Each structure stands twice: as C-alpha cells, then as structure tokens.
Amino acid sequence: MAKVVIAGKSDCPYYARAELLGDKLALNLPDFKLHKIVIQPEEWDKWLKDTCNARGWEHKKSPLVWRELVGPWREGSSDWWS
C-alpha cells in the first residue's frame, strides 16, 4: 500500500489546491492514505533543501508531492513482482 505526502508552504496557493484535492480523494477512496506537511514560509527553503538532499531529489517550489510505500509486506519482493 502507498500513501501520498503533500508538503508545502502555509501561504502557497498551489499547496492549498493540492491539499484540497488530497482531502477529497481521502474522503472518497477508502484505501487512499494522505499525509500533509505544512511548513512556515520562513522555514521552507531549509526544509526543502534538507528533504531533497536526504532523498536525492531536486525541487525548487511549493508544493512537494510524493508517494511512500507503507504497511507490512506479507510476501517476499519476488512474489510481489510476479
């Protein structure tokens, strides 16, 4: 299973739109998992740089949206690929 993570500046209109879409999807799709990270504008640049460096990404603007795998795997990875 996966979850969608939406991170953005608290004053960013694009983050607000992504957050609304995520909320609608989470409300209407029972298996849709959403995690929101709201960052203050003065902290955004450092947070974005640290996050991108840790994950090997390049990104410049708010919002940042990604998918993470979550949950226990009951089978080995070779079973998942088949």
N, C-alpha and C. Protein backbone atom coordinates (compact mmCIF):
# COMPACT_ATOMS: atom_id res chain seq x y z
N MET A 1 0.84 -1.16 0.00
CA MET A 1 0.00 0.00 0.00
C MET A 1 0.89 1.24 0.00
N ALA A 2 0.35 2.34 -0.47
CA ALA A 2 1.12 3.57 -0.54
C ALA A 2 0.33 4.71 0.10
N LYS A 3 1.07 5.72 0.50
CA LYS A 3 0.43 6.95 0.95
C LYS A 3 1.02 8.09 0.15
N VAL A 4 0.22 9.11 -0.03
CA VAL A 4 0.65 10.31 -0.73
C VAL A 4 1.00 11.35 0.33
N VAL A 5 2.15 11.99 0.15
CA VAL A 5 2.59 13.04 1.06
C VAL A 5 2.58 14.36 0.29
N ILE A 6 1.92 15.35 0.88
CA ILE A 6 1.88 16.69 0.29
C ILE A 6 2.54 17.63 1.29
N ALA A 7 3.61 18.28 0.87
CA ALA A 7 4.30 19.24 1.73
C ALA A 7 4.34 20.58 1.02
N GLY A 8 4.14 21.64 1.78
CA GLY A 8 4.19 22.95 1.16
C GLY A 8 4.20 24.08 2.16
N LYS A 9 4.43 25.27 1.62
CA LYS A 9 4.41 26.48 2.45
C LYS A 9 2.97 26.81 2.83
N SER A 10 2.79 27.27 4.05
CA SER A 10 1.45 27.57 4.54
C SER A 10 0.76 28.68 3.76
N ASP A 11 1.52 29.53 3.08
CA ASP A 11 0.91 30.62 2.32
C ASP A 11 0.89 30.36 0.81
N CYS A 12 1.12 29.14 0.40
CA CYS A 12 1.20 28.80 -1.02
C CYS A 12 -0.17 28.38 -1.56
N PRO A 13 -0.69 29.09 -2.57
CA PRO A 13 -1.99 28.71 -3.13
C PRO A 13 -1.96 27.35 -3.83
N TYR A 14 -0.82 26.97 -4.37
CA TYR A 14 -0.71 25.67 -5.03
C TYR A 14 -0.74 24.54 -4.00
N TYR A 15 -0.13 24.78 -2.84
CA TYR A 15 -0.23 23.80 -1.75
C TYR A 15 -1.68 23.67 -1.30
N ALA A 16 -2.38 24.79 -1.18
CA ALA A 16 -3.78 24.76 -0.75
C ALA A 16 -4.63 23.94 -1.73
N ARG A 17 -4.40 24.10 -3.02
CA ARG A 17 -5.15 23.32 -4.01
C ARG A 17 -4.82 21.84 -3.93
N ALA A 18 -3.54 21.52 -3.77
CA ALA A 18 -3.13 20.11 -3.65
C ALA A 18 -3.72 19.49 -2.38
N GLU A 19 -3.76 20.27 -1.31
CA GLU A 19 -4.32 19.79 -0.05
C GLU A 19 -5.82 19.50 -0.20
N LEU A 20 -6.55 20.39 -0.86
CA LEU A 20 -7.98 20.17 -1.08
C LEU A 20 -8.23 18.93 -1.93
N LEU A 21 -7.45 18.75 -2.98
CA LEU A 21 -7.59 17.56 -3.81
C LEU A 21 -7.29 16.30 -3.00
N GLY A 22 -6.22 16.33 -2.22
CA GLY A 22 -5.88 15.19 -1.37
C GLY A 22 -6.98 14.86 -0.39
N ASP A 23 -7.58 15.89 0.21
CA ASP A 23 -8.69 15.68 1.16
C ASP A 23 -9.89 15.03 0.47
N LYS A 24 -10.21 15.48 -0.74
CA LYS A 24 -11.33 14.90 -1.48
C LYS A 24 -11.06 13.44 -1.83
N LEU A 25 -9.85 13.15 -2.26
CA LEU A 25 -9.50 11.76 -2.59
C LEU A 25 -9.55 10.88 -1.35
N ALA A 26 -9.04 11.37 -0.23
CA ALA A 26 -9.05 10.59 1.01
C ALA A 26 -10.47 10.35 1.49
N LEU A 27 -11.36 11.30 1.26
CA LEU A 27 -12.75 11.17 1.68
C LEU A 27 -13.51 10.15 0.82
N ASN A 28 -13.17 10.10 -0.46
CA ASN A 28 -13.94 9.27 -1.40
C ASN A 28 -13.30 7.93 -1.75
N LEU A 29 -12.04 7.75 -1.46
CA LEU A 29 -11.36 6.49 -1.77
C LEU A 29 -10.90 5.84 -0.47
N PRO A 30 -11.49 4.73 -0.08
CA PRO A 30 -11.19 4.15 1.23
C PRO A 30 -9.74 3.73 1.43
N ASP A 31 -9.03 3.38 0.38
CA ASP A 31 -7.64 2.94 0.51
C ASP A 31 -6.63 4.06 0.26
N PHE A 32 -7.11 5.27 0.04
CA PHE A 32 -6.22 6.40 -0.23
C PHE A 32 -5.72 6.95 1.10
N LYS A 33 -4.41 6.92 1.30
CA LYS A 33 -3.79 7.43 2.52
C LYS A 33 -3.07 8.74 2.21
N LEU A 34 -3.29 9.73 3.04
CA LEU A 34 -2.75 11.06 2.81
C LEU A 34 -2.04 11.56 4.06
N HIS A 35 -0.88 12.16 3.86
CA HIS A 35 -0.15 12.82 4.95
C HIS A 35 0.22 14.21 4.47
N LYS A 36 -0.13 15.22 5.26
CA LYS A 36 0.14 16.61 4.89
C LYS A 36 1.20 17.20 5.82
N ILE A 37 2.13 17.94 5.22
CA ILE A 37 3.17 18.62 5.98
C ILE A 37 3.10 20.10 5.62
N VAL A 38 2.73 20.92 6.60
CA VAL A 38 2.63 22.36 6.39
C VAL A 38 3.88 23.01 6.99
N ILE A 39 4.58 23.77 6.17
CA ILE A 39 5.83 24.41 6.58
C ILE A 39 5.64 25.93 6.56
N GLN A 40 6.13 26.60 7.58
CA GLN A 40 6.08 28.06 7.62
C GLN A 40 6.97 28.62 6.51
N PRO A 41 6.55 29.73 5.88
CA PRO A 41 7.31 30.27 4.75
C PRO A 41 8.79 30.53 5.06
N GLU A 42 9.08 31.00 6.26
CA GLU A 42 10.47 31.30 6.60
C GLU A 42 11.31 30.03 6.80
N GLU A 43 10.67 28.89 6.98
CA GLU A 43 11.38 27.62 7.18
C GLU A 43 11.42 26.77 5.91
N TRP A 44 10.69 27.17 4.88
CA TRP A 44 10.51 26.34 3.69
C TRP A 44 11.82 26.02 2.97
N ASP A 45 12.62 27.03 2.69
CA ASP A 45 13.84 26.80 1.90
C ASP A 45 14.77 25.78 2.57
N LYS A 46 14.97 25.92 3.87
CA LYS A 46 15.83 24.98 4.59
C LYS A 46 15.21 23.59 4.61
N TRP A 47 13.91 23.51 4.89
CA TRP A 47 13.23 22.21 4.94
C TRP A 47 13.32 21.52 3.58
N LEU A 48 13.04 22.27 2.52
CA LEU A 48 13.07 21.69 1.17
C LEU A 48 14.47 21.21 0.81
N LYS A 49 15.48 22.01 1.10
CA LYS A 49 16.86 21.62 0.81
C LYS A 49 17.24 20.36 1.59
N ASP A 50 16.93 20.33 2.88
CA ASP A 50 17.26 19.17 3.71
C ASP A 50 16.53 17.91 3.23
N THR A 51 15.25 18.05 2.91
CA THR A 51 14.46 16.90 2.46
C THR A 51 14.96 16.38 1.12
N CYS A 52 15.21 17.28 0.19
CA CYS A 52 15.70 16.86 -1.13
C CYS A 52 17.09 16.23 -1.04
N ASN A 53 17.95 16.79 -0.22
CA ASN A 53 19.29 16.20 -0.04
C ASN A 53 19.20 14.80 0.55
N ALA A 54 18.33 14.61 1.52
CA ALA A 54 18.19 13.31 2.18
C ALA A 54 17.64 12.25 1.23
N ARG A 55 16.82 12.67 0.26
CA ARG A 55 16.17 11.72 -0.63
C ARG A 55 16.77 11.68 -2.03
N GLY A 56 17.74 12.54 -2.29
CA GLY A 56 18.37 12.56 -3.61
C GLY A 56 17.49 13.19 -4.67
N TRP A 57 16.66 14.14 -4.28
CA TRP A 57 15.74 14.81 -5.20
C TRP A 57 16.23 16.21 -5.52
N GLU A 58 15.66 16.78 -6.57
CA GLU A 58 15.81 18.20 -6.88
C GLU A 58 14.43 18.79 -7.05
N HIS A 59 14.15 19.84 -6.30
CA HIS A 59 12.84 20.50 -6.38
C HIS A 59 13.03 21.93 -5.90
N LYS A 60 12.31 22.87 -6.48
CA LYS A 60 12.54 24.28 -6.17
C LYS A 60 11.36 24.99 -5.51
N LYS A 61 10.13 24.54 -5.74
CA LYS A 61 8.96 25.33 -5.33
C LYS A 61 7.98 24.50 -4.51
N SER A 62 7.09 25.20 -3.85
CA SER A 62 5.99 24.58 -3.11
C SER A 62 4.83 24.38 -4.08
N PRO A 63 4.15 23.25 -3.97
CA PRO A 63 4.29 22.14 -3.03
C PRO A 63 5.22 21.05 -3.57
N LEU A 64 5.56 20.17 -2.66
CA LEU A 64 6.32 18.96 -2.99
C LEU A 64 5.40 17.78 -2.69
N VAL A 65 5.17 16.94 -3.68
CA VAL A 65 4.25 15.80 -3.53
C VAL A 65 4.99 14.53 -3.89
N TRP A 66 4.86 13.50 -3.04
CA TRP A 66 5.48 12.22 -3.34
C TRP A 66 4.67 11.09 -2.76
N ARG A 67 5.03 9.88 -3.17
CA ARG A 67 4.35 8.67 -2.71
C ARG A 67 5.35 7.83 -1.92
N GLU A 68 4.87 7.26 -0.82
CA GLU A 68 5.69 6.38 0.01
C GLU A 68 4.98 5.04 0.17
N LEU A 69 5.74 3.97 0.15
CA LEU A 69 5.18 2.65 0.42
C LEU A 69 5.04 2.48 1.92
N VAL A 70 3.90 1.96 2.36
CA VAL A 70 3.65 1.74 3.79
C VAL A 70 3.02 0.38 3.99
N GLY A 71 3.05 -0.09 5.21
CA GLY A 71 2.38 -1.34 5.56
C GLY A 71 3.30 -2.53 5.48
N PRO A 72 2.94 -3.55 6.20
CA PRO A 72 3.76 -4.77 6.19
C PRO A 72 3.59 -5.54 4.89
N TRP A 73 4.69 -6.08 4.41
CA TRP A 73 4.64 -6.95 3.24
C TRP A 73 4.49 -8.38 3.73
N ARG A 74 3.52 -9.07 3.21
CA ARG A 74 3.28 -10.45 3.64
C ARG A 74 4.05 -11.45 2.80
N GLU A 75 4.55 -11.01 1.67
CA GLU A 75 5.28 -11.91 0.78
C GLU A 75 6.63 -11.29 0.48
N GLY A 76 7.52 -12.07 -0.07
CA GLY A 76 8.81 -11.54 -0.47
C GLY A 76 8.68 -10.65 -1.69
N SER A 77 9.70 -9.87 -1.95
CA SER A 77 9.63 -8.95 -3.08
C SER A 77 9.52 -9.69 -4.41
N SER A 78 10.08 -10.88 -4.51
CA SER A 78 9.97 -11.63 -5.76
C SER A 78 8.52 -12.05 -6.00
N ASP A 79 7.77 -12.31 -4.93
CA ASP A 79 6.35 -12.63 -5.08
C ASP A 79 5.56 -11.41 -5.53
N TRP A 80 5.95 -10.24 -5.03
CA TRP A 80 5.25 -9.01 -5.39
C TRP A 80 5.43 -8.69 -6.86
N TRP A 81 6.63 -8.92 -7.40
CA TRP A 81 6.90 -8.60 -8.79
C TRP A 81 6.19 -9.54 -9.75
N SER A 82 5.87 -10.75 -9.31
CA SER A 82 5.27 -11.71 -10.24
C SER A 82 3.77 -11.51 -10.39
